[in-house]
N, C-alpha and C. Protein backbone atom coordinates (compact mmCIF):
# COMPACT_ATOMS: atom_id res chain seq x y z
N UNK A 1 0.17 -1.11 -0.10
CA UNK A 1 0.04 -0.10 0.00
C UNK A 1 1.16 1.00 0.31
N UNK A 2 0.31 2.19 -0.57
CA UNK A 2 0.99 3.79 -0.39
C UNK A 2 0.13 4.78 0.91
N UNK A 3 1.18 5.12 0.93
CA UNK A 3 0.17 6.29 2.49
C UNK A 3 0.56 7.48 1.57
N UNK A 4 -0.71 8.10 2.13
CA UNK A 4 -1.35 9.42 1.54
C UNK A 4 -0.40 10.38 1.64
N UNK A 5 -0.97 11.91 1.41
CA UNK A 5 0.22 12.96 1.83
C UNK A 5 -0.28 13.30 3.46
N UNK A 6 -1.27 12.89 3.51
CA UNK A 6 -1.95 13.49 5.25
C UNK A 6 -1.51 12.41 6.02
N UNK A 7 -1.08 10.90 5.50
CA UNK A 7 -0.62 9.91 6.74
C UNK A 7 0.86 10.72 6.69
N UNK A 8 1.35 10.79 5.97
CA UNK A 8 3.08 10.85 5.85
C UNK A 8 3.10 12.51 6.73
N UNK A 9 2.31 13.33 6.77
CA UNK A 9 2.12 14.14 7.95
C UNK A 9 2.51 14.24 8.89
N UNK A 10 1.63 13.64 9.01
CA UNK A 10 0.94 12.54 10.50
C UNK A 10 2.30 11.90 11.15
N UNK A 11 3.11 11.20 10.13
CA UNK A 11 4.34 10.75 10.37
C UNK A 11 5.45 12.00 10.62
N UNK A 12 5.97 12.68 9.61
CA UNK A 12 6.55 13.55 10.12
C UNK A 12 6.33 14.41 11.37
N UNK A 13 4.66 14.74 11.46
CA UNK A 13 4.42 15.28 12.67
C UNK A 13 5.13 14.80 14.21
N UNK A 14 5.10 12.71 14.12
CA UNK A 14 5.33 11.87 15.19
C UNK A 14 6.82 12.37 15.35
N UNK A 15 8.20 11.72 14.28
CA UNK A 15 9.06 12.62 14.35
C UNK A 15 9.15 13.56 14.91
N UNK A 16 8.65 14.91 14.64
CA UNK A 16 9.60 16.14 14.76
C UNK A 16 9.60 16.11 16.33
N UNK A 17 8.41 15.45 17.10
CA UNK A 17 8.93 15.27 18.42
C UNK A 17 9.81 15.17 19.22
N UNK A 18 10.86 14.43 17.99
CA UNK A 18 12.39 13.93 19.08
C UNK A 18 12.92 14.44 18.81
N UNK A 19 14.31 14.60 19.50
CA UNK A 19 15.60 15.18 19.03
C UNK A 19 16.34 14.01 17.87
N UNK A 20 15.95 13.07 18.13
CA UNK A 20 17.07 11.84 17.95
C UNK A 20 15.74 11.47 16.84
N UNK A 21 15.54 11.11 15.38
CA UNK A 21 14.67 10.66 14.65
C UNK A 21 14.22 9.07 15.12
N UNK A 22 15.35 8.34 14.86
CA UNK A 22 15.00 6.95 15.69
C UNK A 22 14.49 7.30 16.94
N UNK A 23 14.18 8.00 17.58
CA UNK A 23 13.16 7.51 18.89
C UNK A 23 12.02 7.54 18.15
N UNK A 24 11.87 8.07 17.32
CA UNK A 24 9.97 7.77 16.53
C UNK A 24 9.69 6.31 16.23
N UNK A 25 10.71 5.37 16.66
CA UNK A 25 10.07 3.95 15.73
C UNK A 25 8.87 3.34 16.19
N UNK A 26 8.82 3.22 17.69
CA UNK A 26 8.05 2.98 18.47
C UNK A 26 6.12 3.52 17.63
N UNK A 27 6.29 5.06 18.12
CA UNK A 27 4.96 5.59 17.72
C UNK A 27 4.54 5.52 16.83
N UNK A 28 5.73 5.32 15.45
CA UNK A 28 5.23 4.90 14.04
C UNK A 28 4.94 3.17 14.16
N UNK A 29 5.86 2.94 14.86
CA UNK A 29 4.72 1.39 14.17
C UNK A 29 3.59 1.39 15.05
N UNK A 30 3.00 2.01 15.87
CA UNK A 30 1.70 2.24 16.20
C UNK A 30 0.53 2.84 15.48
N UNK A 31 1.06 3.76 14.82
CA UNK A 31 0.73 4.45 13.48
C UNK A 31 0.62 3.59 12.73
N UNK A 32 1.60 2.72 12.39
CA UNK A 32 1.19 1.90 10.90
C UNK A 32 -0.13 0.85 11.51
N UNK A 33 -0.32 0.49 12.58
CA UNK A 33 -1.20 -0.08 13.12
C UNK A 33 -2.57 0.41 12.69
N UNK A 34 -2.82 1.58 13.09
CA UNK A 34 -4.05 2.54 13.34
C UNK A 34 -4.31 2.49 11.68
N UNK A 35 -3.42 1.97 10.70
CA UNK A 35 -3.99 2.11 9.72
C UNK A 35 -4.52 0.84 9.37
N UNK A 36 -3.44 0.05 9.16
CA UNK A 36 -3.49 -1.60 8.64
C UNK A 36 -4.01 -2.54 9.77
N UNK A 37 -4.24 -2.52 10.90
CA UNK A 37 -4.43 -3.21 12.02
C UNK A 37 -3.37 -3.99 12.24
N UNK A 38 -2.17 -3.82 11.45
CA UNK A 38 -1.10 -4.45 11.53
C UNK A 38 0.30 -4.14 11.40
N UNK A 39 1.15 -4.20 11.65
CA UNK A 39 2.44 -4.30 11.26
C UNK A 39 2.97 -4.48 10.01
N UNK A 40 2.70 -3.79 8.86
CA UNK A 40 3.14 -4.54 7.48
C UNK A 40 4.45 -4.03 6.79
N UNK A 41 4.73 -5.28 5.55
CA UNK A 41 5.96 -4.64 5.66
C UNK A 41 6.28 -3.43 4.71
N UNK A 42 5.42 -3.12 4.31
CA UNK A 42 5.17 -1.52 3.54
C UNK A 42 5.67 -0.98 4.54
N UNK A 43 4.60 -0.97 5.68
CA UNK A 43 5.20 0.49 7.41
C UNK A 43 6.49 0.20 7.42
N UNK A 44 6.82 -0.80 7.43
CA UNK A 44 8.35 -1.44 8.19
C UNK A 44 9.18 -0.55 6.91
N UNK A 45 8.89 -0.76 5.90
CA UNK A 45 10.11 0.52 4.86
C UNK A 45 9.77 1.81 4.76
N UNK A 46 8.50 2.11 5.28
CA UNK A 46 8.30 3.14 5.31
C UNK A 46 9.07 4.18 6.40
N UNK A 47 8.72 3.27 7.09
CA UNK A 47 9.57 3.64 8.77
C UNK A 47 10.85 4.32 8.35
N UNK A 48 11.40 3.29 8.41
CA UNK A 48 12.88 2.94 7.70
C UNK A 48 13.52 3.90 7.10
N UNK A 49 12.86 4.36 5.39
CA UNK A 49 12.65 5.54 5.08
C UNK A 49 12.62 6.86 5.34
N UNK A 50 11.90 6.98 6.29
CA UNK A 50 11.73 8.33 6.98
C UNK A 50 12.43 8.47 8.35
N UNK A 51 12.76 7.82 9.00
CA UNK A 51 13.89 7.45 9.89
C UNK A 51 14.85 7.73 9.37
N UNK A 52 15.22 6.88 8.21
CA UNK A 52 16.67 6.30 7.60
C UNK A 52 17.54 5.76 8.47
N UNK A 53 16.92 4.58 8.23
CA UNK A 53 17.30 2.97 9.26
C UNK A 53 17.41 1.77 8.02
N UNK A 54 17.60 1.16 8.48
CA UNK A 54 17.50 0.03 7.94
C UNK A 54 15.96 -1.02 8.05
N UNK A 55 15.60 -1.62 6.67
CA UNK A 55 14.04 -2.19 7.55
C UNK A 55 14.30 -3.35 8.62
N UNK A 56 16.08 -4.01 8.75
CA UNK A 56 16.60 -4.88 9.95
C UNK A 56 16.32 -4.62 11.54
N UNK A 57 16.82 -3.34 11.31
CA UNK A 57 16.41 -1.84 12.56
C UNK A 57 15.05 -2.10 12.74
N UNK A 58 14.34 -1.57 12.29
CA UNK A 58 12.89 -1.44 12.19
C UNK A 58 11.78 -2.81 12.43
N UNK A 59 12.73 -3.63 11.62
CA UNK A 59 11.54 -5.35 12.21
C UNK A 59 12.49 -5.71 13.40
N UNK A 60 13.61 -5.02 14.03
CA UNK A 60 13.81 -5.46 15.10
C UNK A 60 12.73 -5.36 16.41
N UNK A 61 12.90 -4.00 16.34
CA UNK A 61 11.58 -3.37 17.03
C UNK A 61 10.48 -3.61 17.52
N UNK A 62 9.72 -4.20 16.10
CA UNK A 62 8.68 -4.47 15.89
C UNK A 62 7.86 -5.71 15.94
N UNK A 63 9.57 -6.84 16.21
CA UNK A 63 8.96 -8.29 16.95
C UNK A 63 9.71 -8.08 18.25
N UNK A 64 10.27 -7.13 18.54
CA UNK A 64 10.77 -7.13 20.00
C UNK A 64 9.09 -6.82 21.02
N UNK A 65 8.78 -6.05 20.61
CA UNK A 65 7.40 -6.18 21.59
C UNK A 65 6.14 -6.78 20.65
N UNK A 66 5.56 -7.06 22.01
CA UNK A 66 4.44 -7.77 21.80
C UNK A 66 3.11 -7.25 21.25
N UNK A 67 3.31 -5.91 21.43
CA UNK A 67 1.59 -5.09 21.30
C UNK A 67 2.23 -5.03 19.75
N UNK A 68 3.35 -4.87 18.80
CA UNK A 68 2.68 -4.88 17.38
C UNK A 68 2.36 -6.33 16.78
N UNK A 69 1.72 -5.85 15.71
CA UNK A 69 1.37 -7.84 15.65
C UNK A 69 1.52 -7.22 14.05
N UNK A 70 2.51 -8.82 13.36
CA UNK A 70 2.39 -9.06 12.42
C UNK A 70 1.78 -9.83 11.62
N UNK A 71 0.98 -9.99 12.06
CA UNK A 71 -0.44 -10.76 11.51
C UNK A 71 -2.02 -9.52 12.10
N UNK A 72 -2.99 -9.60 10.86
CA UNK A 72 -3.92 -8.79 11.63
C UNK A 72 -4.35 -9.26 12.34
N UNK A 73 -5.63 -8.61 13.83
CA UNK A 73 -6.02 -9.19 14.80
C UNK A 73 -7.41 -8.60 14.62
N UNK A 74 -8.14 -8.87 15.41
CA UNK A 74 -9.35 -8.75 15.72
C UNK A 74 -9.75 -7.08 16.20
N UNK A 75 -11.23 -6.61 15.18
CA UNK A 75 -11.64 -5.23 15.90
C UNK A 75 -11.16 -5.14 17.19
N UNK A 76 -11.74 -6.12 17.87
CA UNK A 76 -10.90 -5.70 19.42
C UNK A 76 -10.42 -6.75 20.39
N UNK A 77 -8.78 -6.96 20.54
CA UNK A 77 -8.62 -7.98 20.76
C UNK A 77 -8.10 -7.74 22.20
N UNK A 78 -8.47 -8.96 22.40
CA UNK A 78 -8.80 -9.50 24.23
C UNK A 78 -7.31 -10.17 24.37
N UNK A 79 -6.87 -9.40 25.94
CA UNK A 79 -5.41 -10.27 26.41
C UNK A 79 -6.13 -10.72 27.48
N UNK A 80 -6.17 -11.84 27.67
CA UNK A 80 -6.38 -12.27 29.21
C UNK A 80 -5.20 -12.50 30.40
N UNK A 81 -5.04 -12.17 31.02
CA UNK A 81 -3.43 -12.38 31.62
C UNK A 81 -3.43 -13.52 32.62
N UNK A 82 -2.60 -14.72 32.08
CA UNK A 82 -2.52 -15.59 32.55
C UNK A 82 -1.13 -15.73 33.59
N UNK A 83 -0.66 -14.96 34.31
CA UNK A 83 0.69 -14.89 34.80
C UNK A 83 0.34 -15.21 36.08
N UNK A 84 1.13 -15.67 36.92
CA UNK A 84 0.87 -16.17 38.69
C UNK A 84 -0.51 -15.65 39.31
N UNK A 85 -0.52 -14.37 39.52
CA UNK A 85 -1.49 -13.78 40.24
C UNK A 85 -2.87 -13.95 39.77
N UNK A 86 -2.90 -13.62 38.19
CA UNK A 86 -4.33 -13.89 37.91
C UNK A 86 -4.82 -15.17 37.32
N UNK A 87 -3.81 -15.79 37.18
CA UNK A 87 -4.24 -17.29 36.83
C UNK A 87 -4.35 -17.98 38.12
N UNK A 88 -3.85 -17.55 39.69
CA UNK A 88 -4.64 -18.24 40.48
C UNK A 88 -5.50 -18.10 40.80
N UNK A 89 -6.22 -16.79 40.45
CA UNK A 89 -7.35 -15.78 40.65
C UNK A 89 -8.60 -15.97 39.72
N UNK A 90 -8.51 -17.15 38.47
CA UNK A 90 -8.63 -17.24 37.84
C UNK A 90 -8.51 -17.31 36.22
N UNK A 91 -7.34 -16.55 35.85
CA UNK A 91 -7.42 -16.47 34.41
C UNK A 91 -6.65 -17.37 33.64
N UNK A 92 -6.80 -18.25 34.05
CA UNK A 92 -6.48 -19.64 33.32
C UNK A 92 -7.63 -20.58 32.99
N UNK A 93 -8.44 -20.22 33.98
CA UNK A 93 -10.47 -20.43 33.69
C UNK A 93 -10.71 -19.96 32.57
N UNK A 94 -10.57 -18.53 33.01
CA UNK A 94 -11.30 -17.72 31.96
C UNK A 94 -10.39 -18.09 30.64
N UNK A 95 -9.29 -18.02 30.50
CA UNK A 95 -9.02 -17.85 29.40
C UNK A 95 -9.14 -19.75 28.44
N UNK A 96 -9.79 -20.42 29.03
CA UNK A 96 -9.79 -21.57 28.64
C UNK A 96 -10.99 -21.75 28.30
N UNK A 97 -12.40 -21.13 28.97
CA UNK A 97 -13.45 -20.92 28.56
C UNK A 97 -13.83 -20.19 27.09
N UNK A 98 -12.93 -19.21 27.23
CA UNK A 98 -12.98 -17.56 26.78
C UNK A 98 -13.07 -18.51 24.90
N UNK A 99 -12.10 -19.07 24.92
CA UNK A 99 -11.37 -19.84 23.39
C UNK A 99 -12.55 -20.71 23.69
N UNK A 100 -13.10 -21.68 24.17
CA UNK A 100 -13.99 -22.18 23.73
C UNK A 100 -15.35 -22.07 23.26
N UNK A 101 -15.68 -20.95 23.85
CA UNK A 101 -17.26 -19.92 23.88
C UNK A 101 -16.69 -19.78 22.02
N UNK A 102 -15.42 -18.50 21.48
CA UNK A 102 -15.34 -18.44 20.37
C UNK A 102 -14.82 -19.42 19.68
N UNK A 103 -14.12 -20.72 19.26
CA UNK A 103 -13.38 -21.41 19.13
C UNK A 103 -12.30 -20.59 18.69
N UNK A 104 -11.74 -20.33 19.05
CA UNK A 104 -10.14 -20.10 18.83
C UNK A 104 -9.02 -20.04 19.51
N UNK A 105 -7.91 -20.24 19.05
CA UNK A 105 -7.06 -20.31 20.15
C UNK A 105 -6.28 -19.44 20.80
N UNK A 106 -5.05 -19.41 21.08
CA UNK A 106 -4.30 -18.02 21.20
C UNK A 106 -3.37 -17.43 20.12
N UNK A 107 -3.56 -16.84 19.47
CA UNK A 107 -3.32 -15.28 18.71
C UNK A 107 -3.77 -16.07 17.59
N UNK A 108 -5.26 -16.25 17.80
CA UNK A 108 -5.77 -16.33 16.60
C UNK A 108 -7.20 -15.05 16.63
N UNK A 109 -8.10 -15.20 16.00
CA UNK A 109 -8.79 -14.69 15.41
C UNK A 109 -10.60 -15.19 14.68
N UNK A 110 -11.65 -14.69 15.58
CA UNK A 110 -12.53 -15.06 15.09
C UNK A 110 -12.92 -14.97 13.46
N UNK A 111 -13.61 -15.77 12.85
CA UNK A 111 -13.86 -15.67 11.27
C UNK A 111 -14.57 -14.43 10.74
N UNK A 112 -15.23 -13.45 11.72
CA UNK A 112 -15.97 -12.65 11.32
C UNK A 112 -15.31 -11.38 11.60
N UNK A 113 -13.52 -11.49 11.88
CA UNK A 113 -12.97 -10.13 12.45
C UNK A 113 -12.94 -9.65 13.25
N UNK A 114 -13.96 -10.10 14.00
CA UNK A 114 -14.33 -9.10 15.93
C UNK A 114 -13.24 -8.97 16.46
N UNK A 115 -12.97 -10.46 16.80
CA UNK A 115 -12.51 -10.87 18.22
C UNK A 115 -11.10 -11.55 18.09
N UNK A 116 -9.96 -11.21 18.60
CA UNK A 116 -8.66 -12.15 18.69
C UNK A 116 -8.46 -11.83 20.05
N UNK A 117 -7.87 -13.51 20.17
CA UNK A 117 -7.63 -13.75 21.69
C UNK A 117 -6.17 -13.85 21.90
N UNK A 118 -5.52 -13.62 23.34
CA UNK A 118 -3.82 -13.55 23.53
C UNK A 118 -3.96 -13.99 25.10
N UNK A 119 -2.87 -14.70 25.24
CA UNK A 119 -2.62 -14.71 27.11
C UNK A 119 -1.53 -13.67 26.89
N UNK A 120 -1.83 -13.02 27.96
CA UNK A 120 -1.06 -11.88 28.15
C UNK A 120 -0.16 -12.32 29.45
N UNK A 121 1.18 -11.75 29.41
CA UNK A 121 1.98 -12.18 30.75
C UNK A 121 1.27 -11.36 31.94
N UNK A 122 1.64 -9.96 31.96
CA UNK A 122 0.95 -9.29 32.82
C UNK A 122 0.36 -7.98 32.20
N UNK A 123 -0.40 -7.93 32.99
CA UNK A 123 -1.26 -6.75 32.53
C UNK A 123 -0.89 -5.00 33.75
N UNK A 124 0.14 -5.48 34.75
CA UNK A 124 0.44 -4.86 35.64
C UNK A 124 -0.86 -4.01 36.38
N UNK A 125 -1.69 -5.08 36.61
CA UNK A 125 -3.00 -4.66 37.69
C UNK A 125 -2.93 -5.65 38.66
N UNK A 126 -2.09 -6.47 39.49
CA UNK A 126 -2.43 -7.72 39.85
C UNK A 126 -3.24 -6.96 41.47
N UNK A 127 -3.57 -6.03 41.53
CA UNK A 127 -4.38 -5.78 42.56
C UNK A 127 -5.96 -6.04 42.08
N UNK A 128 -6.26 -5.77 40.92
CA UNK A 128 -7.68 -6.32 40.16
C UNK A 128 -7.85 -7.80 39.48
N UNK A 129 -6.84 -8.34 40.13
CA UNK A 129 -6.71 -9.86 39.18
C UNK A 129 -8.31 -10.91 39.42
N UNK A 130 -8.54 -11.55 38.40
CA UNK A 130 -8.09 -11.55 37.47
C UNK A 130 -8.11 -10.11 36.54
N UNK A 131 -7.38 -9.89 35.53
CA UNK A 131 -7.47 -8.63 34.85
C UNK A 131 -7.77 -9.15 33.30
N UNK A 132 -8.38 -8.56 32.35
CA UNK A 132 -8.37 -8.54 31.18
C UNK A 132 -8.25 -7.35 30.10
N UNK A 133 -7.33 -7.20 29.04
CA UNK A 133 -7.45 -5.80 28.63
C UNK A 133 -7.97 -6.27 27.45
N UNK A 134 -8.79 -5.13 26.72
CA UNK A 134 -9.20 -5.19 25.35
C UNK A 134 -8.86 -3.97 24.40
N UNK A 135 -7.70 -3.77 23.75
CA UNK A 135 -7.49 -3.03 23.29
C UNK A 135 -6.47 -2.21 23.85
N UNK A 136 -6.11 -2.80 24.68
CA UNK A 136 -5.05 -2.29 25.89
C UNK A 136 -5.74 -1.35 26.96
N UNK A 137 -7.52 -1.76 26.81
CA UNK A 137 -8.39 -0.60 27.66
C UNK A 137 -8.37 -1.89 29.10
N UNK A 138 -8.34 -1.34 30.51
CA UNK A 138 -8.67 -2.33 31.78
C UNK A 138 -10.13 -3.21 31.63
N UNK A 139 -10.00 -4.12 32.20
CA UNK A 139 -11.49 -5.12 32.83
C UNK A 139 -11.00 -5.38 33.85
N UNK A 140 -11.08 -5.25 35.00
CA UNK A 140 -10.75 -5.33 36.28
C UNK A 140 -12.04 -6.45 36.86
N UNK A 141 -11.41 -7.50 37.94
CA UNK A 141 -12.34 -8.36 38.58
C UNK A 141 -12.80 -9.01 37.61
N UNK A 142 -12.35 -10.15 36.66
CA UNK A 142 -13.44 -10.07 35.61
C UNK A 142 -13.58 -12.09 36.29
N UNK A 143 -14.51 -12.47 35.54
CA UNK A 143 -15.07 -13.69 35.97
C UNK A 143 -15.06 -14.54 34.56
N UNK A 144 -15.60 -15.58 34.09
CA UNK A 144 -16.03 -16.39 33.27
C UNK A 144 -17.07 -15.90 32.55
N UNK A 145 -17.93 -15.39 32.99
CA UNK A 145 -19.13 -14.96 32.35
C UNK A 145 -19.36 -13.82 31.97
N UNK A 146 -18.50 -12.92 32.85
CA UNK A 146 -18.28 -11.40 32.55
C UNK A 146 -17.21 -11.19 31.04
N UNK A 147 -16.18 -12.15 30.75
CA UNK A 147 -15.52 -12.04 29.92
C UNK A 147 -16.58 -12.79 28.58
N UNK A 148 -17.23 -14.04 28.50
CA UNK A 148 -18.13 -14.17 27.73
C UNK A 148 -18.95 -13.24 27.32
N UNK A 149 -20.18 -12.25 28.74
CA UNK A 149 -20.55 -11.50 27.85
C UNK A 149 -19.88 -10.22 27.09
N UNK A 150 -18.50 -9.90 27.52
CA UNK A 150 -17.79 -8.90 26.79
C UNK A 150 -17.62 -9.20 25.34
N UNK A 151 -16.95 -10.81 25.37
CA UNK A 151 -16.74 -11.07 24.12
C UNK A 151 -17.96 -10.91 22.87
N UNK A 152 -18.88 -11.52 23.95
CA UNK A 152 -20.11 -11.40 23.10
C UNK A 152 -20.49 -9.80 22.05
N UNK A 153 -20.96 -8.82 23.62
CA UNK A 153 -20.99 -7.70 22.83
C UNK A 153 -20.36 -7.38 21.86
N UNK A 154 -18.53 -7.48 22.26
CA UNK A 154 -17.61 -7.25 20.72
C UNK A 154 -18.24 -7.30 19.53
N UNK A 155 -18.89 -8.97 19.55
CA UNK A 155 -19.04 -9.07 18.11
C UNK A 155 -20.34 -8.67 17.43
N UNK A 156 -20.95 -7.90 18.61
CA UNK A 156 -22.07 -7.53 17.70
C UNK A 156 -22.30 -6.12 17.99
N UNK A 157 -21.09 -5.12 18.16
CA UNK A 157 -20.16 -3.94 18.12
C UNK A 157 -21.34 -3.07 19.35
N UNK A 158 -21.33 -3.71 20.49
CA UNK A 158 -21.98 -3.19 21.06
C UNK A 158 -21.09 -3.76 22.89
N UNK A 159 -19.83 -3.70 22.55
CA UNK A 159 -19.31 -3.91 24.36
C UNK A 159 -19.11 -2.94 25.15
N UNK A 160 -19.10 -3.73 26.46
CA UNK A 160 -19.04 -3.36 27.53
C UNK A 160 -18.14 -1.61 27.54
N UNK A 161 -18.10 -0.84 28.54
CA UNK A 161 -16.88 0.36 28.72
C UNK A 161 -15.89 -0.60 29.90
N UNK A 162 -14.69 0.06 29.21
CA UNK A 162 -13.31 -0.34 30.32
C UNK A 162 -14.15 -0.02 31.90
N UNK A 163 -13.60 -1.01 32.44
CA UNK A 163 -13.79 -0.54 34.20
C UNK A 163 -13.00 0.38 34.99
N UNK A 164 -12.10 1.12 33.46
CA UNK A 164 -11.10 2.48 34.00
C UNK A 164 -10.63 2.99 32.44
N UNK A 165 -11.16 4.25 32.61
CA UNK A 165 -11.26 4.81 31.68
C UNK A 165 -11.44 5.05 30.97
N UNK A 166 -12.00 5.63 29.40
CA UNK A 166 -12.26 6.00 28.90
C UNK A 166 -13.91 5.09 28.70
N UNK A 167 -14.99 5.97 28.42
CA UNK A 167 -16.27 5.19 29.10
C UNK A 167 -17.00 4.90 27.47
N UNK A 168 -15.76 4.61 26.43
CA UNK A 168 -16.39 3.43 25.48
C UNK A 168 -15.44 3.50 24.88
N UNK A 169 -15.44 1.49 25.15
CA UNK A 169 -14.74 0.79 24.14
C UNK A 169 -13.99 1.03 22.74
N UNK A 170 -12.68 1.80 22.82
CA UNK A 170 -12.63 2.07 21.11
C UNK A 170 -12.35 1.00 20.39
N UNK A 171 -11.93 0.78 18.95
CA UNK A 171 -11.32 -0.78 18.38
C UNK A 171 -9.91 -0.14 18.24
N UNK A 172 -9.55 -1.63 17.65
CA UNK A 172 -7.90 -1.88 18.11
C UNK A 172 -7.27 -1.02 17.28
N UNK A 173 -7.96 -0.14 15.77
CA UNK A 173 -7.33 1.00 15.14
C UNK A 173 -7.43 2.10 16.20
N UNK A 174 -8.51 2.81 16.20
CA UNK A 174 -8.75 3.50 17.41
C UNK A 174 -7.43 3.83 18.15
N UNK A 175 -7.39 2.97 19.38
CA UNK A 175 -6.37 2.84 19.91
C UNK A 175 -4.49 2.97 19.45
N UNK A 176 -5.17 1.78 18.35
CA UNK A 176 -3.27 2.11 18.39
C UNK A 176 -2.85 3.48 17.53
N UNK A 177 -3.41 4.30 17.19
CA UNK A 177 -3.77 5.94 16.59
C UNK A 177 -3.32 6.65 18.29
N UNK A 178 -4.34 6.11 19.07
CA UNK A 178 -3.83 6.73 20.72
C UNK A 178 -2.70 6.55 20.87
N UNK A 179 -1.99 5.30 20.51
CA UNK A 179 -0.58 4.63 21.45
C UNK A 179 0.46 5.43 20.31
N UNK A 180 -0.21 5.92 19.10
CA UNK A 180 1.04 6.83 18.32
C UNK A 180 1.26 8.06 18.90
N UNK A 181 0.71 8.45 19.52
CA UNK A 181 0.53 9.62 20.17
C UNK A 181 -0.98 10.60 20.04
N UNK A 182 -1.88 10.36 19.01
CA UNK A 182 -2.70 11.24 18.47
C UNK A 182 -4.30 11.29 19.73
N UNK A 183 -4.12 12.19 20.14
CA UNK A 183 -5.17 12.79 21.08
C UNK A 183 -6.46 11.96 20.46
N UNK A 184 -7.37 11.04 21.41
CA UNK A 184 -8.46 11.33 20.51
C UNK A 184 -9.70 12.04 21.63
N UNK A 185 -9.24 12.82 22.44
CA UNK A 185 -10.47 13.97 23.57
C UNK A 185 -10.69 12.98 24.18
N UNK A 186 -10.54 11.94 24.66
CA UNK A 186 -10.74 11.19 26.02
C UNK A 186 -9.98 10.72 27.11
N UNK A 187 -9.09 11.10 27.17
CA UNK A 187 -7.76 11.07 28.34
C UNK A 187 -8.10 11.23 29.77
N UNK A 188 -9.28 12.72 29.76
CA UNK A 188 -10.13 12.71 30.96
C UNK A 188 -11.23 12.11 31.71
N UNK A 189 -11.78 10.82 30.49
CA UNK A 189 -12.65 10.19 31.18
C UNK A 189 -12.40 9.39 31.75
N UNK A 190 -13.35 8.89 32.91
CA UNK A 190 -13.31 7.82 33.89
C UNK A 190 -12.09 7.72 35.08
N UNK A 191 -11.99 7.07 35.83
CA UNK A 191 -11.05 6.77 36.49
C UNK A 191 -10.00 6.30 36.03
N UNK A 192 -8.34 6.51 35.81
CA UNK A 192 -6.91 5.85 36.09
C UNK A 192 -6.54 5.03 36.67
N UNK A 193 -7.50 5.63 38.10
CA UNK A 193 -6.37 4.26 39.15
C UNK A 193 -7.77 3.99 40.12
N UNK A 194 -7.94 2.89 40.52
CA UNK A 194 -9.06 2.88 41.20
C UNK A 194 -8.65 2.51 43.01
N UNK A 195 -9.55 2.26 43.83
CA UNK A 195 -9.51 2.31 44.91
C UNK A 195 -8.61 1.33 45.98
N UNK A 196 -8.28 0.28 44.90
CA UNK A 196 -7.17 -0.89 45.24
C UNK A 196 -6.21 -0.11 45.42
N UNK A 197 -5.66 -0.02 43.65
CA UNK A 197 -4.52 0.92 43.51
C UNK A 197 -4.32 2.30 44.41
N UNK A 198 -5.13 2.74 45.15
CA UNK A 198 -4.67 4.45 46.07
C UNK A 198 -5.05 3.89 47.44
N UNK A 199 -4.66 2.52 47.68
CA UNK A 199 -5.79 2.29 49.20
C UNK A 199 -4.69 2.33 50.10
N UNK A 200 -2.67 2.47 49.64
CA UNK A 200 -1.83 2.28 50.19
C UNK A 200 -1.45 3.89 50.72
N UNK A 201 -1.65 4.60 49.64
CA UNK A 201 -1.57 6.40 49.48
C UNK A 201 -2.44 6.91 50.73
N UNK A 202 -3.81 6.54 49.98
CA UNK A 202 -4.60 7.12 51.11
C UNK A 202 -4.40 6.82 52.95
N UNK A 203 -4.39 5.90 53.11
CA UNK A 203 -3.91 5.18 54.43
C UNK A 203 -2.50 5.97 54.81
N UNK A 204 -1.76 5.97 53.79
CA UNK A 204 -0.82 7.16 54.46
C UNK A 204 -0.83 8.54 54.49
N UNK A 205 -2.03 8.52 53.67
CA UNK A 205 -2.00 10.67 53.99
C UNK A 205 -2.73 10.66 55.32
N UNK A 206 -3.26 9.28 55.96
CA UNK A 206 -4.34 9.83 57.11
C UNK A 206 -3.62 9.27 58.44
N UNK A 207 -2.32 8.58 57.98
CA UNK A 207 -1.35 8.75 58.99
C UNK A 207 -1.35 7.67 59.84
N UNK A 208 -1.71 6.39 58.70
CA UNK A 208 -1.61 5.01 59.45
C UNK A 208 -1.26 3.88 59.25
């Protein structure tokens, strides 16, 4: 694919944020995903061209971080944490049940292209285990049934709102643009940290 003048202009504006051009690799990879849904060979070539790097250097970054996908994922990419605490609290059971419910395995996508599934090592939200992230938005304290309801809602275009963050769950491509640094105007919506995360801080302020 070829990139439009508007898309190239956005890429240039991303690069301009950094004193060293190569520092823009990661946001540019997210921007490519916001267009294509995954990191395409053409996207890697364009990033390499703009940053005056080899395609091998850009590929090395895109293949190191699991947020960058080499193949298309679903409109709603569901990451279920199965790391130690979440697994003990039910993460493994949730993954197995939802995998069977959708008829897909790890790193697979439903035939309608709506939902993909991934085992996530850690969502950095252990105080809300078991945790699921959809397009990198938090769904805390999940159960088998709540995640089944979540993916069913996503497949009908009516997913529930994240537990924390924006009031509306955005698509994979839309959130990829946000990760590239393009504002969607929703940064102030909803809580970013919940009661469990702030408990220690609040107790210390109370002198306890």
